[in-house]
C-alpha atoms as a PDB file:
ATOM      1  CA  MET A   1     -46.555 122.470 124.364  1.00  0.00           C
ATOM      2  CA  SER A   2     -45.156 124.204 121.180  1.00  0.00           C
ATOM      3  CA  TYR A   3     -48.501 124.686 118.846  1.00  0.00           C
ATOM      4  CA  TYR A   4     -46.523 124.452 115.601  1.00  0.00           C
ATOM      5  CA  ASP A   5     -45.571 121.211 116.387  1.00  0.00           C
ATOM      6  CA  GLU A   6     -47.214 119.894 119.511  1.00  0.00           C
ATOM      7  CA  VAL A   7     -43.911 119.403 121.030  1.00  0.00           C
ATOM      8  CA  THR A   8     -43.913 119.270 125.148  1.00  0.00           C
ATOM      9  CA  VAL A   9     -40.864 121.368 125.833  1.00  0.00           C
ATOM     10  CA  THR A  10     -39.254 121.042 129.402  1.00  0.00           C
ATOM     11  CA  ASP A  11     -36.200 123.001 128.396  1.00  0.00           C
ATOM     12  CA  ALA A  12     -36.719 126.655 127.759  1.00  0.00           C
ATOM     13  CA  GLY A  13     -33.407 126.471 125.566  1.00  0.00           C
ATOM     14  CA  ASP A  14     -35.653 124.132 123.237  1.00  0.00           C
ATOM     15  CA  LEU A  15     -37.903 127.454 122.211  1.00  0.00           C
ATOM     16  CA  ASP A  16     -37.568 130.332 120.032  1.00  0.00           C
ATOM     17  CA  VAL A  17     -39.960 133.231 120.747  1.00  0.00           C
ATOM     18  CA  ASP A  18     -41.337 133.290 117.112  1.00  0.00           C
ATOM     19  CA  HIS A  19     -43.055 136.810 114.960  1.00  0.00           C
ATOM     20  CA  ILE A  20     -46.282 134.878 113.639  1.00  0.00           C
ATOM     21  CA  VAL A  21     -45.498 137.099 110.821  1.00  0.00           C
ATOM     22  CA  PRO A  22     -41.371 137.132 110.167  1.00  0.00           C
ATOM     23  CA  LEU A  23     -39.431 140.060 109.953  1.00  0.00           C
ATOM     24  CA  GLU A  24     -38.425 140.215 106.763  1.00  0.00           C
ATOM     25  CA  GLU A  25     -41.968 139.585 105.495  1.00  0.00           C
ATOM     26  CA  ALA A  26     -43.204 141.965 107.326  1.00  0.00           C
ATOM     27  CA  ASN A  27     -40.806 144.451 106.135  1.00  0.00           C
ATOM     28  CA  SER A  28     -41.467 143.679 102.135  1.00  0.00           C
ATOM     29  CA  SER A  29     -45.829 143.901 103.488  1.00  0.00           C
ATOM     30  CA  GLY A  30     -45.152 147.704 104.327  1.00  0.00           C
ATOM     31  CA  ALA A  31     -42.781 147.938 107.325  1.00  0.00           C
ATOM     32  CA  HIS A  32     -39.823 148.713 104.700  1.00  0.00           C
ATOM     33  CA  ALA A  33     -41.753 152.619 105.232  1.00  0.00           C
ATOM     34  CA  TRP A  34     -42.173 152.786 108.457  1.00  0.00           C
ATOM     35  CA  THR A  35     -40.396 154.711 111.287  1.00  0.00           C
ATOM     36  CA  PRO A  36     -37.609 153.036 113.161  1.00  0.00           C
ATOM     37  CA  ALA A  37     -39.635 153.420 116.265  1.00  0.00           C
ATOM     38  CA  ARG A  38     -42.589 151.281 114.838  1.00  0.00           C
ATOM     39  CA  ARG A  39     -40.366 148.681 113.554  1.00  0.00           C
ATOM     40  CA  GLU A  40     -39.389 147.986 116.695  1.00  0.00           C
ATOM     41  CA  ALA A  41     -42.873 148.083 118.122  1.00  0.00           C
ATOM     42  CA  TYR A  42     -43.789 145.778 115.618  1.00  0.00           C
ATOM     43  CA  ALA A  43     -40.495 143.620 116.655  1.00  0.00           C
ATOM     44  CA  ASN A  44     -41.527 143.759 120.565  1.00  0.00           C
ATOM     45  CA  ASP A  45     -45.282 143.802 120.179  1.00  0.00           C
ATOM     46  CA  LEU A  46     -46.406 142.174 123.692  1.00  0.00           C
ATOM     47  CA  GLN A  47     -49.840 143.885 123.369  1.00  0.00           C
ATOM     48  CA  ALA A  48     -50.798 141.501 120.995  1.00  0.00           C
ATOM     49  CA  PRO A  49     -51.450 138.165 122.482  1.00  0.00           C
ATOM     50  CA  ARG A  50     -50.767 136.177 119.573  1.00  0.00           C
ATOM     51  CA  SER A  51     -47.994 138.456 117.502  1.00  0.00           C
ATOM     52  CA  LEU A  52     -45.232 136.634 119.316  1.00  0.00           C
ATOM     53  CA  VAL A  53     -45.356 133.035 120.254  1.00  0.00           C
ATOM     54  CA  ALA A  54     -42.951 130.418 122.005  1.00  0.00           C
ATOM     55  CA  VAL A  55     -42.887 127.288 119.776  1.00  0.00           C
ATOM     56  CA  THR A  56     -39.831 124.678 119.227  1.00  0.00           C
ATOM     57  CA  ALA A  57     -36.442 126.246 118.040  1.00  0.00           C
ATOM     58  CA  LYS A  58     -36.344 123.363 115.675  1.00  0.00           C
ATOM     59  CA  THR A  59     -40.099 124.439 114.215  1.00  0.00           C
ATOM     60  CA  ASN A  60     -39.265 128.068 113.829  1.00  0.00           C
ATOM     61  CA  ARG A  61     -35.986 127.843 112.118  1.00  0.00           C
ATOM     62  CA  SER A  62     -37.856 125.525 109.582  1.00  0.00           C
ATOM     63  CA  LYS A  63     -40.488 128.514 108.949  1.00  0.00           C
ATOM     64  CA  GLY A  64     -37.756 131.036 108.626  1.00  0.00           C
ATOM     65  CA  LYS A  65     -38.645 134.209 106.464  1.00  0.00           C
ATOM     66  CA  ARG A  66     -41.744 132.292 104.883  1.00  0.00           C
ATOM     67  CA  ASP A  67     -45.640 133.377 104.593  1.00  0.00           C
ATOM     68  CA  VAL A  68     -48.390 130.941 104.597  1.00  0.00           C
ATOM     69  CA  ALA A  69     -48.146 130.525 100.685  1.00  0.00           C
ATOM     70  CA  GLU A  70     -44.319 128.725 101.742  1.00  0.00           C
ATOM     71  CA  TRP A  71     -44.829 127.106 105.108  1.00  0.00           C
ATOM     72  CA  LEU A  72     -47.754 125.676 107.728  1.00  0.00           C
ATOM     73  CA  PRO A  73     -46.884 124.278 110.646  1.00  0.00           C
ATOM     74  CA  PRO A  74     -46.740 120.842 110.908  1.00  0.00           C
ATOM     75  CA  ALA A  75     -49.459 119.942 113.614  1.00  0.00           C
ATOM     76  CA  GLU A  76     -52.711 119.451 111.482  1.00  0.00           C
ATOM     77  CA  ASN A  77     -54.327 120.699 114.819  1.00  0.00           C
ATOM     78  CA  ALA A  78     -52.775 124.383 114.480  1.00  0.00           C
ATOM     79  CA  LEU A  79     -53.465 125.212 111.258  1.00  0.00           C
ATOM     80  CA  CYS A  80     -56.800 127.373 112.051  1.00  0.00           C
ATOM     81  CA  THR A  81     -54.922 129.029 115.274  1.00  0.00           C
ATOM     82  CA  TYR A  82     -52.289 129.957 113.039  1.00  0.00           C
ATOM     83  CA  LEU A  83     -54.264 131.042 110.207  1.00  0.00           C
ATOM     84  CA  GLU A  84     -56.250 133.169 112.781  1.00  0.00           C
ATOM     85  CA  ASP A  85     -52.749 134.955 114.558  1.00  0.00           C
ATOM     86  CA  TRP A  86     -51.680 135.485 110.911  1.00  0.00           C
ATOM     87  CA  THR A  87     -54.384 137.533 109.810  1.00  0.00           C
ATOM     88  CA  GLY A  88     -54.742 138.960 112.954  1.00  0.00           C
ATOM     89  CA  THR A  89     -51.348 140.535 112.953  1.00  0.00           C
ATOM     90  CA  LYS A  90     -51.396 141.383 109.149  1.00  0.00           C
ATOM     91  CA  LEU A  91     -54.343 143.408 110.236  1.00  0.00           C
ATOM     92  CA  ARG A  92     -53.268 144.670 113.324  1.00  0.00           C
ATOM     93  CA  TRP A  93     -50.177 146.283 111.568  1.00  0.00           C
ATOM     94  CA  ALA A  94     -52.139 147.264 108.341  1.00  0.00           C
ATOM     95  CA  LEU A  95     -49.685 144.731 106.339  1.00  0.00           C
ATOM     96  CA  THR A  96     -50.274 143.746 102.913  1.00  0.00           C
ATOM     97  CA  VAL A  97     -50.587 140.388 101.262  1.00  0.00           C
ATOM     98  CA  ASP A  98     -49.318 139.550  98.101  1.00  0.00           C
ATOM     99  CA  GLN A  99     -51.615 137.301  95.587  1.00  0.00           C
ATOM    100  CA  ALA A 100     -50.062 133.856  96.620  1.00  0.00           C
ATOM    101  CA  GLU A 101     -50.169 134.676 100.061  1.00  0.00           C
ATOM    102  CA  HIS A 102     -54.253 136.068  99.560  1.00  0.00           C
ATOM    103  CA  ASP A 103     -55.128 132.825  97.883  1.00  0.00           C
ATOM    104  CA  ALA A 104     -53.396 130.403 100.174  1.00  0.00           C
ATOM    105  CA  LEU A 105     -55.486 132.237 102.993  1.00  0.00           C
ATOM    106  CA  THR A 106     -58.697 131.973 100.712  1.00  0.00           C
ATOM    107  CA  ARG A 107     -57.951 128.312 100.324  1.00  0.00           C
ATOM    108  CA  LEU A 108     -56.834 127.166 103.583  1.00  0.00           C
ATOM    109  CA  ALA A 109     -59.640 129.395 105.742  1.00  0.00           C
ATOM    110  CA  LYS A 110     -61.953 126.780 104.189  1.00  0.00           C
ATOM    111  CA  ASP A 111     -60.777 124.311 106.569  1.00  0.00           C
ATOM    112  CA  CYS A 112     -61.306 126.858 109.065  1.00  0.00           C
ATOM    113  CA  PRO A 113     -65.515 127.559 109.459  1.00  0.00           C
ATOM    114  CA  ASP A 114     -65.583 128.524 112.843  1.00  0.00           C
ATOM    115  CA  ALA A 115     -62.157 130.501 113.026  1.00  0.00           C
ATOM    116  CA  ILE A 116     -62.487 134.350 114.366  1.00  0.00           C
ATOM    117  CA  VAL A 117     -60.082 137.232 113.606  1.00  0.00           C
ATOM    118  CA  GLY A 118     -59.448 139.146 116.543  1.00  0.00           C
ATOM    119  CA  TYR A 119     -57.125 142.105 116.714  1.00  0.00           C
ATOM    120  CA  GLU A 120     -56.906 145.587 117.645  1.00  0.00           C
ATOM    121  CA  PRO A 121     -54.699 147.957 115.647  1.00  0.00           C
ATOM    122  CA  ALA A 122     -51.832 148.882 116.569  1.00  0.00           C
ATOM    123  CA  PRO A 123     -50.633 152.005 118.219  1.00  0.00           C
END
């Protein structure tokens, strides 16, 4: 099931692998200063279980390069998981947040009192 929209998918062709923090967002949050090898490690991060997720192509494409101030998963039940994944990915890779993103995370976190953000710093 695609957790962004709670759609059950039976054809793998209907799925995309989504970078929780889109590549362009990561770039504008500090990745632009990384070495090519570190950018590649970020783009292919299979060590963190929630950095890359399989979701419906339609929903992933609606997200595009937007951050949490501009886009949230349509499924109400996905909000807290998405915020945990977003924050954990930003922390894992020591990426910055802009003011709008910070404000959105702070406001939305109030709906997730039991949320726990887990992460290990990227190598």
